[in-house]
Protein backbone atom coordinates (compact mmCIF):
# COMPACT_ATOMS: atom_id res chain seq x y z
CA MET A 1 88.21 55.74 182.74
CA PRO A 2 91.59 55.30 181.05
CA TYR A 3 94.13 58.09 180.80
CA ILE A 4 93.42 59.97 177.58
CA ASP A 5 95.38 62.93 176.26
CA LYS A 6 92.99 64.76 173.95
CA THR A 7 95.57 67.32 172.81
CA GLU A 8 97.74 66.80 169.76
CA PRO A 9 101.35 68.03 169.68
CA THR A 10 102.07 71.36 168.00
CA ASN A 11 104.27 71.65 164.93
CA GLU A 12 106.93 73.24 167.13
CA GLU A 13 106.88 70.29 169.52
CA ILE A 14 107.23 67.82 166.67
CA ALA A 15 110.05 69.85 165.10
CA SER A 16 111.93 69.98 168.42
CA ILE A 17 112.34 66.21 168.55
CA LYS A 18 116.02 65.45 168.03
CA THR A 19 117.27 63.21 165.28
CA ALA A 20 120.23 60.85 165.46
CA ASN A 21 122.17 58.68 163.03
CA PHE A 22 120.67 55.53 164.56
CA THR A 23 117.16 54.44 165.50
CA VAL A 24 115.81 52.98 168.73
CA ALA A 25 112.53 51.08 169.15
CA VAL A 26 110.53 49.52 171.99
CA CYS A 27 109.08 46.02 171.90
CA ALA A 28 106.38 45.08 174.42
CA ILE A 29 103.77 42.39 174.84
CA VAL A 30 100.66 43.52 176.73
CA LYS A 31 97.28 42.37 177.96
CA ASP A 32 94.41 44.38 179.50
CA VAL A 33 96.36 47.66 179.55
CA GLU A 34 93.88 50.08 177.98
CA ALA A 35 93.89 52.31 181.07
CA TYR A 36 97.66 52.75 180.95
CA MET A 37 98.76 52.35 177.35
CA GLN A 38 98.46 55.86 175.98
CA GLU A 39 100.43 57.46 178.83
CA TRP A 40 103.15 54.85 178.36
CA ILE A 41 103.27 55.47 174.61
CA ASP A 42 103.45 59.25 175.09
CA TYR A 43 106.32 58.83 177.51
CA TYR A 44 108.45 56.76 175.16
CA LEU A 45 107.71 58.59 171.90
CA ILE A 46 107.59 62.17 173.19
CA ALA A 47 109.59 62.34 176.42
CA LEU A 48 112.37 59.91 175.43
CA ASN A 49 112.15 60.32 171.62
CA PHE A 50 112.04 56.63 170.76
CA ASP A 51 111.59 56.20 167.02
CA GLN A 52 109.02 53.41 167.03
CA ILE A 53 106.99 51.18 169.35
CA TYR A 54 105.93 47.62 168.54
CA ILE A 55 103.14 46.23 170.72
CA TYR A 56 102.09 42.59 170.72
CA ASP A 57 98.50 42.42 172.00
CA ASN A 58 98.17 39.21 174.03
CA SER A 59 94.40 39.53 174.54
CA ASP A 60 92.15 36.84 173.07
CA ASN A 61 90.04 39.31 171.07
CA PHE A 62 92.67 41.79 169.80
CA GLU A 63 91.35 44.54 172.05
CA LEU A 64 93.78 47.20 170.76
CA GLN A 65 92.79 46.75 167.13
CA ARG A 66 90.41 49.70 166.97
CA TRP A 67 92.89 52.05 168.66
CA PHE A 68 95.54 50.98 166.16
CA THR A 69 93.24 51.46 163.16
CA ASN A 70 92.12 54.90 164.32
CA THR A 71 95.62 56.29 164.85
CA ARG A 72 97.28 55.56 161.50
CA HIS A 73 97.27 59.26 160.53
CA HIS A 74 98.08 60.69 163.96
CA PRO A 75 101.39 62.63 163.93
CA ILE A 76 102.69 60.75 166.98
CA TYR A 77 100.75 57.48 167.31
CA ARG A 78 101.35 56.39 163.72
CA SER A 79 104.78 55.42 165.10
CA VAL A 80 103.10 52.59 167.03
CA LYS A 81 102.44 49.23 165.41
CA VAL A 82 100.07 46.81 167.18
CA MET A 83 99.88 43.10 166.36
CA HIS A 84 97.59 40.39 167.73
CA PHE A 85 99.64 37.77 169.60
CA PRO A 86 97.38 35.61 171.82
CA LYS A 87 98.03 32.43 173.86
CA LYS A 88 100.04 31.88 177.03
CA HIS A 89 103.80 31.96 177.52
CA MET A 90 104.41 34.24 174.54
CA GLN A 91 106.64 36.97 176.02
CA GLU A 92 110.03 35.60 175.01
CA MET A 93 108.71 34.62 171.58
CA ALA A 94 107.28 38.11 171.05
CA TYR A 95 110.56 39.79 171.97
CA THR A 96 112.58 37.47 169.74
CA ARG A 97 110.21 37.88 166.81
CA CYS A 98 110.22 41.65 167.25
CA VAL A 99 114.00 42.00 167.09
CA ASP A 100 114.26 39.53 164.20
CA ARG A 101 111.54 41.27 162.19
CA TYR A 102 112.12 44.95 162.99
CA GLY A 103 115.81 44.95 163.86
CA LYS A 104 117.47 42.33 161.67
CA ASP A 105 115.24 41.50 158.68
CA GLU A 106 116.69 43.07 155.53
CA HIS A 107 113.16 43.90 154.39
CA GLY A 108 112.21 45.60 157.66
CA PRO A 109 113.04 48.99 159.21
CA ARG A 110 116.20 47.51 160.78
CA HIS A 111 116.20 49.54 163.98
CA ASP A 112 119.71 49.64 165.37
CA TYR A 113 118.69 49.17 169.01
CA ILE A 114 115.58 47.74 170.65
CA ALA A 115 114.42 48.00 174.27
CA LEU A 116 112.56 44.93 175.55
CA ILE A 117 110.26 46.15 178.32
CA ASP A 118 106.72 46.06 179.75
CA TYR A 119 103.86 48.57 179.92
CA ASP A 120 104.46 49.24 183.63
CA GLU A 121 108.18 49.98 183.17
CA TYR A 122 109.51 53.46 182.47
CA ILE A 123 113.12 54.20 181.53
CA VAL A 124 114.00 57.30 183.57
CA LEU A 125 117.13 59.27 182.72
CA GLN A 126 118.83 60.58 185.83
CA GLN A 127 121.33 63.03 184.27
CA PRO A 128 120.35 66.39 182.69
CA LYS A 129 122.89 65.89 179.90
CA HIS A 130 120.78 63.02 178.55
CA ASP A 131 117.71 64.50 176.86
CA SER A 132 116.68 61.39 174.95
CA ILE A 133 117.28 57.67 174.66
CA HIS A 134 119.69 58.42 171.82
CA ASP A 135 121.86 60.53 174.15
CA LEU A 136 122.04 57.66 176.64
CA LEU A 137 122.88 54.98 174.08
CA ASP A 138 125.37 57.22 172.29
CA GLU A 139 127.48 57.16 175.46
CA TYR A 140 126.82 53.72 176.93
CA LEU A 141 125.97 51.31 174.09
CA THR A 142 126.69 52.47 170.53
CA PRO A 143 130.50 52.53 171.00
CA TYR A 144 130.46 48.92 172.24
CA GLY A 145 127.52 46.97 170.82
CA GLY A 146 126.00 43.96 172.55
CA ALA A 147 123.42 44.86 175.18
CA LEU A 148 122.83 47.41 177.94
CA LEU A 149 121.15 46.47 181.22
CA ILE A 150 118.97 48.89 183.20
CA ASN A 151 118.06 47.94 186.76
CA TRP A 152 114.56 48.05 188.22
CA LEU A 153 113.50 50.59 190.81
CA TYR A 154 110.20 49.64 192.42
CA MET A 155 107.63 52.42 192.73
CA GLY A 156 105.19 51.79 195.59
CA SER A 157 101.45 52.24 195.97
CA ALA A 158 101.81 55.60 197.79
CA ASN A 159 98.97 54.36 200.02
CA ARG A 160 96.48 54.69 197.17
CA THR A 161 93.65 52.21 197.40
CA VAL A 162 91.76 52.56 194.08
CA TYR A 163 92.33 53.60 190.47
CA SER A 164 91.96 57.24 189.43
CA PRO A 165 92.22 58.70 185.89
CA VAL A 166 95.56 60.39 186.60
CA PRO A 167 98.84 59.36 184.94
CA VAL A 168 100.72 56.54 186.66
CA THR A 169 103.87 58.66 186.90
CA LYS A 170 101.89 61.30 188.81
CA ARG A 171 99.95 58.97 191.13
CA PHE A 172 102.89 56.89 192.31
CA GLN A 173 105.91 58.93 193.31
CA TYR A 174 107.38 56.98 196.21
CA SER A 175 110.09 54.42 195.49
CA ASP A 176 112.06 51.82 197.40
CA GLY A 177 114.96 54.26 197.29
CA LYS A 178 117.42 51.63 196.05
CA PRO A 179 117.33 49.63 192.81
CA LEU A 180 116.86 45.89 192.68
CA GLY A 181 119.36 43.52 191.12
CA ILE A 182 116.75 42.63 188.45
CA SER A 183 117.17 44.39 185.12
CA LYS A 184 115.80 44.67 181.59
CA THR A 185 117.68 44.87 178.31
CA ILE A 186 118.32 47.15 175.37
CA VAL A 187 120.03 45.17 172.60
CA LYS A 188 121.95 46.05 169.50
CA SER A 189 119.83 44.30 166.90
CA SER A 190 122.71 42.95 164.83
CA ASP A 191 124.23 41.31 167.92
CA PHE A 192 120.96 39.70 169.05
CA VAL A 193 120.46 35.91 168.85
CA ARG A 194 117.33 35.16 170.92
CA MET A 195 115.74 35.76 174.31
CA LEU A 196 116.94 33.66 177.23
CA ASN A 197 114.11 34.86 179.48
CA PRO A 198 111.94 38.01 179.64
CA HIS A 199 114.85 39.94 181.18
CA SER A 200 117.84 38.80 179.17
CA ALA A 201 118.96 38.19 175.61
CA LYS A 202 121.53 35.85 174.17
CA ILE A 203 123.92 37.86 172.05
CA LEU A 204 126.76 36.96 169.68
CA PRO A 205 129.85 35.40 171.29
CA ASN A 206 132.07 38.38 170.55
CA SER A 207 129.60 40.81 172.15
CA ASN A 208 129.27 41.89 175.79
CA VAL A 209 126.58 43.02 178.23
CA TYR A 210 127.18 46.48 179.68
CA ASP A 211 125.75 48.72 182.37
CA THR A 212 126.00 52.44 183.17
CA THR A 213 128.54 52.37 186.01
CA PHE A 214 130.80 54.09 183.47
CA PRO A 215 131.02 53.91 179.66
CA GLY A 216 132.22 50.43 178.75
CA SER A 217 131.48 48.95 182.19
CA LEU A 218 130.61 45.26 182.01
CA ALA A 219 127.52 44.13 183.91
CA ASN A 220 127.89 41.63 186.73
CA LEU A 221 125.30 39.14 185.52
CA SER A 222 123.23 36.86 187.72
CA PRO A 223 123.28 33.10 186.98
CA THR A 224 120.10 33.45 184.91
CA ARG A 225 121.49 36.61 183.25
CA SER A 226 118.30 38.42 184.29
CA GLY A 227 119.99 40.83 186.66
CA ASN A 228 123.03 42.97 187.35
CA SER A 229 124.29 42.91 190.93
CA LYS A 230 126.23 46.16 190.47
CA LYS A 231 122.90 48.05 190.48
CA PRO A 232 124.12 51.35 188.94
CA SER A 233 121.64 54.16 189.57
CA LYS A 234 123.25 57.52 188.77
CA VAL A 235 122.61 57.52 185.01
CA VAL A 236 119.37 55.63 184.32
CA LEU A 237 116.87 53.38 186.09
CA LEU A 238 113.83 51.40 185.01
CA TYR A 239 110.97 52.59 187.24
CA HIS A 240 108.71 49.59 187.72
CA TYR A 241 105.10 50.46 188.62
CA ARG A 242 104.28 46.89 189.51
CA PHE A 243 101.87 47.53 192.39
CA MET A 244 99.90 50.72 191.65
CA SER A 245 96.86 51.07 193.94
CA ASP A 246 95.66 48.24 196.19
CA LYS A 247 92.65 47.50 193.99
CA GLU A 248 94.63 47.64 190.74
CA PHE A 249 97.14 45.19 192.15
CA LEU A 250 94.35 42.88 193.33
CA ILE A 251 92.75 42.92 189.88
CA LYS A 252 96.12 42.31 188.23
CA GLN A 253 96.91 39.36 190.48
CA CYS A 254 93.51 37.73 190.92
CA TRP A 255 91.54 38.42 187.74
CA ARG A 256 93.77 39.46 184.87
CA TYR A 257 96.37 36.72 185.19
CA SER A 258 99.91 37.25 183.93
CA LEU A 259 101.11 36.75 180.38
CA SER A 260 102.07 33.23 181.41
CA GLY A 261 98.55 32.52 182.69
CA SER A 262 99.64 32.29 186.33
CA ILE A 263 98.22 34.02 189.42
CA ARG A 264 101.29 34.57 191.54
CA LEU A 265 100.04 36.43 194.63
CA CYS A 266 96.38 35.48 194.76
CA ASP A 267 94.55 33.14 197.09
CA GLU A 268 92.14 31.68 194.55
CA LYS A 269 89.62 30.68 197.20
CA THR A 270 89.27 34.08 198.85
CA LYS A 271 90.39 36.23 195.89
CA THR A 272 92.74 38.19 198.15
CA ILE A 273 96.45 38.97 197.94
CA THR A 274 98.67 36.50 199.76
CA VAL A 275 102.43 36.85 200.20
CA LYS A 276 103.02 33.74 202.29
CA GLY A 277 106.05 31.88 201.00
CA LYS A 278 106.66 34.41 198.23
CA SER A 279 109.93 36.13 197.40
CA PRO A 280 110.28 39.52 199.18
CA HIS A 281 110.70 41.38 195.89
CA LEU A 282 107.19 40.32 194.83
CA ARG A 283 105.47 41.72 197.90
CA PRO A 284 103.49 44.97 197.64
CA ARG A 285 104.97 48.05 199.26
CA VAL A 286 104.01 51.69 199.76
CA GLY A 287 107.35 53.26 198.88
CA LYS A 288 109.80 55.14 201.08
CA VAL A 289 111.50 57.90 199.07
CA PHE A 290 109.71 60.66 197.14
CA ASP A 291 110.76 60.56 193.49
CA ASP A 292 108.95 62.48 190.75
CA LYS A 293 111.63 62.28 188.03
CA ALA A 294 109.39 60.24 185.72
CA TRP A 295 106.65 62.86 185.96
């Protein structure tokens, strides 16, 4: 069974959501995520106070259509727009189209900033002074423009073997302890040109890519611009729940395929996980350090 929150927010909870003089949205492209989607949406709209979420449904049959239709009058979920976007190798195109349509188009909502992330990635604020995504960007991106990188922190399987109908951020609370050099991007829409890869955006020549080492700190970009070797971790991290339980990871790798249509860690003959010859950062792990900040 998927995670389902059957309670609606109270008027007091809705009223307590802070407002800012700029808007921030999420763009994501997803496939086969029904068991995880609602928790992820709740996290970004309620916990981090994002203004809007745009989801590109990469399934062949538009599997999220009914959920989208049934939530148009919900006080929270009406801030989610779902669009059918099938075929392989569509992630960069979805991100680019999203920023162009919802960040730059003069006939659109023109969100000032857009985070380009996946359903298994959670932006986790590490400092109490930052209550929302607006607080973070107000210090580290809005004064400068361009883009802000947030580094991955892998969350392990916590020795869980099968799925259970408990939120991801509750089930998996053991991390690698140290962030990876790989990062994801929040862009200022007006400085955005196009995606270079799923992790990085090309921005205008007079704009820069920043991190959270200190306000105005320039990121130390990898050759592909998909990572930041400085790996700042004191302000914000992107918790990446890539592995989940053993069975969920097996299904993800051997049956669901990736958005590109590839099966990266699956032996197609035996339908088992294989890590032979694969990069260490792709290999499943349990997690070493207890970390429940996302929960």
